Amino acid sequence: MIYIALFFLFIGIELIYFKIADHYNIIDKPNSRSSHTSITLRGGGIIFPIAILLQVCLDMFLSQLL
């Protein structure tokens, strides 16, 4: 059950990051060497270190409760 909650939490964090990236213009404008043809938000992979850090903190917290 906790993994489902974490899944939705990380989806929410990712959506919040996309809004921040759009606001601060953190974008990749394609050029002739790019593999994409439209403007793309950068840094979406930041969710992975955040997820690992949150998982480690959650494990430490839950291990103290048990």
PDB file of N, CA and C in Angstrom:
ATOM      1  N   MET A   1       0.815  -1.194   0.000  1.00  0.00           N
ATOM      2  CA  MET A   1       0.000   0.000   0.000  1.00  0.00           C
ATOM      3  C   MET A   1       0.865   1.267   0.000  1.00  0.00           C
ATOM      4  N   ILE A   2       1.981   1.208   0.727  1.00  0.00           N
ATOM      5  CA  ILE A   2       2.842   2.381   0.807  1.00  0.00           C
ATOM      6  C   ILE A   2       3.489   2.678  -0.542  1.00  0.00           C
ATOM      7  N   TYR A   3       3.735   1.631  -1.338  1.00  0.00           N
ATOM      8  CA  TYR A   3       4.361   1.849  -2.639  1.00  0.00           C
ATOM      9  C   TYR A   3       3.411   2.556  -3.601  1.00  0.00           C
ATOM     10  N   ILE A   4       2.141   2.277  -3.479  1.00  0.00           N
ATOM     11  CA  ILE A   4       1.156   2.971  -4.311  1.00  0.00           C
ATOM     12  C   ILE A   4       1.113   4.454  -3.929  1.00  0.00           C
ATOM     13  N   ALA A   5       1.133   4.722  -2.634  1.00  0.00           N
ATOM     14  CA  ALA A   5       1.130   6.113  -2.167  1.00  0.00           C
ATOM     15  C   ALA A   5       2.396   6.837  -2.631  1.00  0.00           C
ATOM     16  N   LEU A   6       3.543   6.172  -2.537  1.00  0.00           N
ATOM     17  CA  LEU A   6       4.795   6.786  -2.993  1.00  0.00           C
ATOM     18  C   LEU A   6       4.780   7.040  -4.495  1.00  0.00           C
ATOM     19  N   PHE A   7       4.202   6.114  -5.241  1.00  0.00           N
ATOM     20  CA  PHE A   7       4.097   6.284  -6.680  1.00  0.00           C
ATOM     21  C   PHE A   7       3.350   7.574  -7.015  1.00  0.00           C
ATOM     22  N   PHE A   8       2.197   7.771  -6.385  1.00  0.00           N
ATOM     23  CA  PHE A   8       1.420   8.970  -6.655  1.00  0.00           C
ATOM     24  C   PHE A   8       2.103  10.223  -6.117  1.00  0.00           C
ATOM     25  N   LEU A   9       2.822  10.092  -5.018  1.00  0.00           N
ATOM     26  CA  LEU A   9       3.585  11.222  -4.487  1.00  0.00           C
ATOM     27  C   LEU A   9       4.654  11.656  -5.480  1.00  0.00           C
ATOM     28  N   PHE A  10       5.381  10.711  -6.053  1.00  0.00           N
ATOM     29  CA  PHE A  10       6.439  11.046  -6.997  1.00  0.00           C
ATOM     30  C   PHE A  10       5.884  11.584  -8.310  1.00  0.00           C
ATOM     31  N   ILE A  11       4.737  11.100  -8.721  1.00  0.00           N
ATOM     32  CA  ILE A  11       4.092  11.669  -9.907  1.00  0.00           C
ATOM     33  C   ILE A  11       3.744  13.143  -9.631  1.00  0.00           C
ATOM     34  N   GLY A  12       3.226  13.415  -8.442  1.00  0.00           N
ATOM     35  CA  GLY A  12       2.912  14.795  -8.064  1.00  0.00           C
ATOM     36  C   GLY A  12       4.145  15.669  -8.016  1.00  0.00           C
ATOM     37  N   ILE A  13       5.237  15.146  -7.451  1.00  0.00           N
ATOM     38  CA  ILE A  13       6.489  15.906  -7.390  1.00  0.00           C
ATOM     39  C   ILE A  13       6.993  16.200  -8.801  1.00  0.00           C
ATOM     40  N   GLU A  14       6.878  15.220  -9.681  1.00  0.00           N
ATOM     41  CA  GLU A  14       7.322  15.411 -11.063  1.00  0.00           C
ATOM     42  C   GLU A  14       6.497  16.498 -11.758  1.00  0.00           C
ATOM     43  N   LEU A  15       5.203  16.498 -11.546  1.00  0.00           N
ATOM     44  CA  LEU A  15       4.351  17.520 -12.148  1.00  0.00           C
ATOM     45  C   LEU A  15       4.661  18.912 -11.596  1.00  0.00           C
ATOM     46  N   ILE A  16       4.943  18.975 -10.305  1.00  0.00           N
ATOM     47  CA  ILE A  16       5.339  20.254  -9.708  1.00  0.00           C
ATOM     48  C   ILE A  16       6.655  20.727 -10.312  1.00  0.00           C
ATOM     49  N   TYR A  17       7.602  19.799 -10.493  1.00  0.00           N
ATOM     50  CA  TYR A  17       8.876  20.183 -11.104  1.00  0.00           C
ATOM     51  C   TYR A  17       8.662  20.709 -12.527  1.00  0.00           C
ATOM     52  N   PHE A  18       7.779  20.077 -13.285  1.00  0.00           N
ATOM     53  CA  PHE A  18       7.529  20.540 -14.652  1.00  0.00           C
ATOM     54  C   PHE A  18       6.984  21.966 -14.658  1.00  0.00           C
ATOM     55  N   LYS A  19       6.139  22.301 -13.691  1.00  0.00           N
ATOM     56  CA  LYS A  19       5.620  23.671 -13.603  1.00  0.00           C
ATOM     57  C   LYS A  19       6.748  24.650 -13.255  1.00  0.00           C
ATOM     58  N   ILE A  20       7.629  24.248 -12.328  1.00  0.00           N
ATOM     59  CA  ILE A  20       8.767  25.100 -11.957  1.00  0.00           C
ATOM     60  C   ILE A  20       9.711  25.277 -13.138  1.00  0.00           C
ATOM     61  N   ALA A  21      10.002  24.186 -13.849  1.00  0.00           N
ATOM     62  CA  ALA A  21      10.899  24.251 -15.000  1.00  0.00           C
ATOM     63  C   ALA A  21      10.320  25.133 -16.098  1.00  0.00           C
ATOM     64  N   ASP A  22       9.014  25.058 -16.291  1.00  0.00           N
ATOM     65  CA  ASP A  22       8.375  25.903 -17.291  1.00  0.00           C
ATOM     66  C   ASP A  22       8.422  27.374 -16.864  1.00  0.00           C
ATOM     67  N   HIS A  23       8.220  27.635 -15.585  1.00  0.00           N
ATOM     68  CA  HIS A  23       8.235  29.013 -15.078  1.00  0.00           C
ATOM     69  C   HIS A  23       9.621  29.640 -15.194  1.00  0.00           C
ATOM     70  N   TYR A  24      10.669  28.877 -14.856  1.00  0.00           N
ATOM     71  CA  TYR A  24      12.031  29.401 -14.891  1.00  0.00           C
ATOM     72  C   TYR A  24      12.737  29.156 -16.223  1.00  0.00           C
ATOM     73  N   ASN A  25      11.978  28.694 -17.216  1.00  0.00           N
ATOM     74  CA  ASN A  25      12.483  28.535 -18.579  1.00  0.00           C
ATOM     75  C   ASN A  25      13.652  27.544 -18.648  1.00  0.00           C
ATOM     76  N   ILE A  26      13.551  26.436 -17.937  1.00  0.00           N
ATOM     77  CA  ILE A  26      14.567  25.384 -17.981  1.00  0.00           C
ATOM     78  C   ILE A  26      14.183  24.460 -19.136  1.00  0.00           C
ATOM     79  N   ILE A  27      14.553  24.897 -20.334  1.00  0.00           N
ATOM     80  CA  ILE A  27      14.143  24.171 -21.532  1.00  0.00           C
ATOM     81  C   ILE A  27      15.344  23.874 -22.408  1.00  0.00           C
ATOM     82  N   ASP A  28      15.165  22.926 -23.298  1.00  0.00           N
ATOM     83  CA  ASP A  28      16.184  22.574 -24.273  1.00  0.00           C
ATOM     84  C   ASP A  28      15.635  22.924 -25.650  1.00  0.00           C
ATOM     85  N   LYS A  29      16.247  23.901 -26.292  1.00  0.00           N
ATOM     86  CA  LYS A  29      15.820  24.296 -27.635  1.00  0.00           C
ATOM     87  C   LYS A  29      16.605  23.473 -28.647  1.00  0.00           C
ATOM     88  N   PRO A  30      15.914  22.722 -29.483  1.00  0.00           N
ATOM     89  CA  PRO A  30      16.616  21.831 -30.423  1.00  0.00           C
ATOM     90  C   PRO A  30      17.382  22.604 -31.495  1.00  0.00           C
ATOM     91  N   ASN A  31      18.492  22.018 -31.914  1.00  0.00           N
ATOM     92  CA  ASN A  31      19.258  22.564 -33.040  1.00  0.00           C
ATOM     93  C   ASN A  31      19.422  21.449 -34.068  1.00  0.00           C
ATOM     94  N   SER A  32      20.313  21.623 -35.007  1.00  0.00           N
ATOM     95  CA  SER A  32      20.452  20.639 -36.088  1.00  0.00           C
ATOM     96  C   SER A  32      20.983  19.290 -35.590  1.00  0.00           C
ATOM     97  N   ARG A  33      21.675  19.267 -34.456  1.00  0.00           N
ATOM     98  CA  ARG A  33      22.228  18.010 -33.944  1.00  0.00           C
ATOM     99  C   ARG A  33      21.313  17.313 -32.931  1.00  0.00           C
ATOM    100  N   SER A  34      20.202  17.927 -32.578  1.00  0.00           N
ATOM    101  CA  SER A  34      19.312  17.384 -31.553  1.00  0.00           C
ATOM    102  C   SER A  34      18.507  16.201 -32.086  1.00  0.00           C
ATOM    103  N   SER A  35      18.156  15.316 -31.167  1.00  0.00           N
ATOM    104  CA  SER A  35      17.326  14.173 -31.549  1.00  0.00           C
ATOM    105  C   SER A  35      15.840  14.486 -31.475  1.00  0.00           C
ATOM    106  N   HIS A  36      15.473  15.637 -30.920  1.00  0.00           N
ATOM    107  CA  HIS A  36      14.068  16.033 -30.850  1.00  0.00           C
ATOM    108  C   HIS A  36      13.849  17.287 -31.693  1.00  0.00           C
ATOM    109  N   THR A  37      12.589  17.504 -32.049  1.00  0.00           N
ATOM    110  CA  THR A  37      12.280  18.614 -32.952  1.00  0.00           C
ATOM    111  C   THR A  37      11.512  19.735 -32.271  1.00  0.00           C
ATOM    112  N   SER A  38      11.012  19.504 -31.065  1.00  0.00           N
ATOM    113  CA  SER A  38      10.263  20.550 -30.363  1.00  0.00           C
ATOM    114  C   SER A  38      10.969  20.889 -29.058  1.00  0.00           C
ATOM    115  N   ILE A  39      10.604  22.025 -28.479  1.00  0.00           N
ATOM    116  CA  ILE A  39      11.187  22.463 -27.209  1.00  0.00           C
ATOM    117  C   ILE A  39      10.813  21.459 -26.119  1.00  0.00           C
ATOM    118  N   THR A  40      11.798  21.061 -25.320  1.00  0.00           N
ATOM    119  CA  THR A  40      11.623  20.028 -24.303  1.00  0.00           C
ATOM    120  C   THR A  40      12.096  20.544 -22.948  1.00  0.00           C
ATOM    121  N   LEU A  41      11.338  20.234 -21.890  1.00  0.00           N
ATOM    122  CA  LEU A  41      11.782  20.576 -20.537  1.00  0.00           C
ATOM    123  C   LEU A  41      12.964  19.698 -20.154  1.00  0.00           C
ATOM    124  N   ARG A  42      13.934  20.275 -19.455  1.00  0.00           N
ATOM    125  CA  ARG A  42      15.113  19.520 -19.025  1.00  0.00           C
ATOM    126  C   ARG A  42      15.024  19.206 -17.539  1.00  0.00           C
ATOM    127  N   GLY A  43      15.746  18.192 -17.111  1.00  0.00           N
ATOM    128  CA  GLY A  43      15.896  17.915 -15.696  1.00  0.00           C
ATOM    129  C   GLY A  43      14.822  17.039 -15.088  1.00  0.00           C
ATOM    130  N   GLY A  44      14.016  16.363 -15.888  1.00  0.00           N
ATOM    131  CA  GLY A  44      12.970  15.505 -15.339  1.00  0.00           C
ATOM    132  C   GLY A  44      13.519  14.326 -14.551  1.00  0.00           C
ATOM    133  N   GLY A  45      14.770  13.971 -14.779  1.00  0.00           N
ATOM    134  CA  GLY A  45      15.387  12.860 -14.068  1.00  0.00           C
ATOM    135  C   GLY A  45      15.725  13.170 -12.624  1.00  0.00           C
ATOM    136  N   ILE A  46      15.518  14.399 -12.185  1.00  0.00           N
ATOM    137  CA  ILE A  46      15.808  14.782 -10.799  1.00  0.00           C
ATOM    138  C   ILE A  46      14.919  14.009  -9.829  1.00  0.00           C
ATOM    139  N   ILE A  47      13.817  13.470 -10.320  1.00  0.00           N
ATOM    140  CA  ILE A  47      12.906  12.732  -9.453  1.00  0.00           C
ATOM    141  C   ILE A  47      13.570  11.464  -8.908  1.00  0.00           C
ATOM    142  N   PHE A  48      14.523  10.876  -9.626  1.00  0.00           N
ATOM    143  CA  PHE A  48      15.137   9.627  -9.181  1.00  0.00           C
ATOM    144  C   PHE A  48      15.992   9.797  -7.927  1.00  0.00           C
ATOM    145  N   PRO A  49      16.899  10.781  -7.847  1.00  0.00           N
ATOM    146  CA  PRO A  49      17.620  10.970  -6.583  1.00  0.00           C
ATOM    147  C   PRO A  49      16.694  11.379  -5.432  1.00  0.00           C
ATOM    148  N   ILE A  50      15.656  12.156  -5.744  1.00  0.00           N
ATOM    149  CA  ILE A  50      14.693  12.528  -4.712  1.00  0.00           C
ATOM    150  C   ILE A  50      13.969  11.289  -4.206  1.00  0.00           C
ATOM    151  N   ALA A  51      13.590  10.401  -5.107  1.00  0.00           N
ATOM    152  CA  ALA A  51      12.900   9.166  -4.724  1.00  0.00           C
ATOM    153  C   ALA A  51      13.789   8.283  -3.858  1.00  0.00           C
ATOM    154  N   ILE A  52      15.053   8.162  -4.212  1.00  0.00           N
ATOM    155  CA  ILE A  52      15.979   7.338  -3.425  1.00  0.00           C
ATOM    156  C   ILE A  52      16.174   7.935  -2.037  1.00  0.00           C
ATOM    157  N   LEU A  53      16.369   9.240  -1.969  1.00  0.00           N
ATOM    158  CA  LEU A  53      16.550   9.899  -0.682  1.00  0.00           C
ATOM    159  C   LEU A  53      15.314   9.738   0.202  1.00  0.00           C
ATOM    160  N   LEU A  54      14.146   9.926  -0.376  1.00  0.00           N
ATOM    161  CA  LEU A  54      12.905   9.772   0.384  1.00  0.00           C
ATOM    162  C   LEU A  54      12.705   8.330   0.847  1.00  0.00           C
ATOM    163  N   GLN A  55      13.066   7.381   0.001  1.00  0.00           N
ATOM    164  CA  GLN A  55      12.926   5.972   0.365  1.00  0.00           C
ATOM    165  C   GLN A  55      13.868   5.615   1.511  1.00  0.00           C
ATOM    166  N   VAL A  56      15.094   6.110   1.493  1.00  0.00           N
ATOM    167  CA  VAL A  56      16.046   5.848   2.572  1.00  0.00           C
ATOM    168  C   VAL A  56      15.547   6.467   3.878  1.00  0.00           C
ATOM    169  N   CYS A  57      15.067   7.698   3.801  1.00  0.00           N
ATOM    170  CA  CYS A  57      14.544   8.357   5.004  1.00  0.00           C
ATOM    171  C   CYS A  57      13.318   7.623   5.543  1.00  0.00           C
ATOM    172  N   LEU A  58      12.458   7.182   4.660  1.00  0.00           N
ATOM    173  CA  LEU A  58      11.262   6.447   5.069  1.00  0.00           C
ATOM    174  C   LEU A  58      11.636   5.113   5.713  1.00  0.00           C
ATOM    175  N   ASP A  59      12.618   4.422   5.138  1.00  0.00           N
ATOM    176  CA  ASP A  59      13.069   3.157   5.733  1.00  0.00           C
ATOM    177  C   ASP A  59      13.656   3.373   7.125  1.00  0.00           C
ATOM    178  N   MET A  60      14.445   4.434   7.287  1.00  0.00           N
ATOM    179  CA  MET A  60      15.026   4.710   8.599  1.00  0.00           C
ATOM    180  C   MET A  60      13.928   5.035   9.617  1.00  0.00           C
ATOM    181  N   PHE A  61      12.943   5.804   9.199  1.00  0.00           N
ATOM    182  CA  PHE A  61      11.834   6.171  10.087  1.00  0.00           C
ATOM    183  C   PHE A  61      11.003   4.953  10.460  1.00  0.00           C
ATOM    184  N   LEU A  62      10.688   4.124   9.482  1.00  0.00           N
ATOM    185  CA  LEU A  62       9.857   2.943   9.758  1.00  0.00           C
ATOM    186  C   LEU A  62      10.608   1.897  10.580  1.00  0.00           C
ATOM    187  N   SER A  63      11.918   1.799  10.398  1.00  0.00           N
ATOM    188  CA  SER A  63      12.692   0.819  11.176  1.00  0.00           C
ATOM    189  C   SER A  63      12.740   1.210  12.657  1.00  0.00           C
ATOM    190  N   GLN A  64      12.674   2.504  12.947  1.00  0.00           N
ATOM    191  CA  GLN A  64      12.676   2.946  14.331  1.00  0.00           C
ATOM    192  C   GLN A  64      11.327   2.687  14.994  1.00  0.00           C
ATOM    193  N   LEU A  65      10.264   2.679  14.205  1.00  0.00           N
ATOM    194  CA  LEU A  65       8.931   2.433  14.756  1.00  0.00           C
ATOM    195  C   LEU A  65       8.713   0.949  15.105  1.00  0.00           C
ATOM    196  N   LEU A  66       9.382   0.098  14.369  1.00  0.00           N
ATOM    197  CA  LEU A  66       9.181  -1.344  14.581  1.00  0.00           C
ATOM    198  C   LEU A  66      10.134  -1.875  15.565  1.00  0.00           C
TER     199      LEU A  66
END
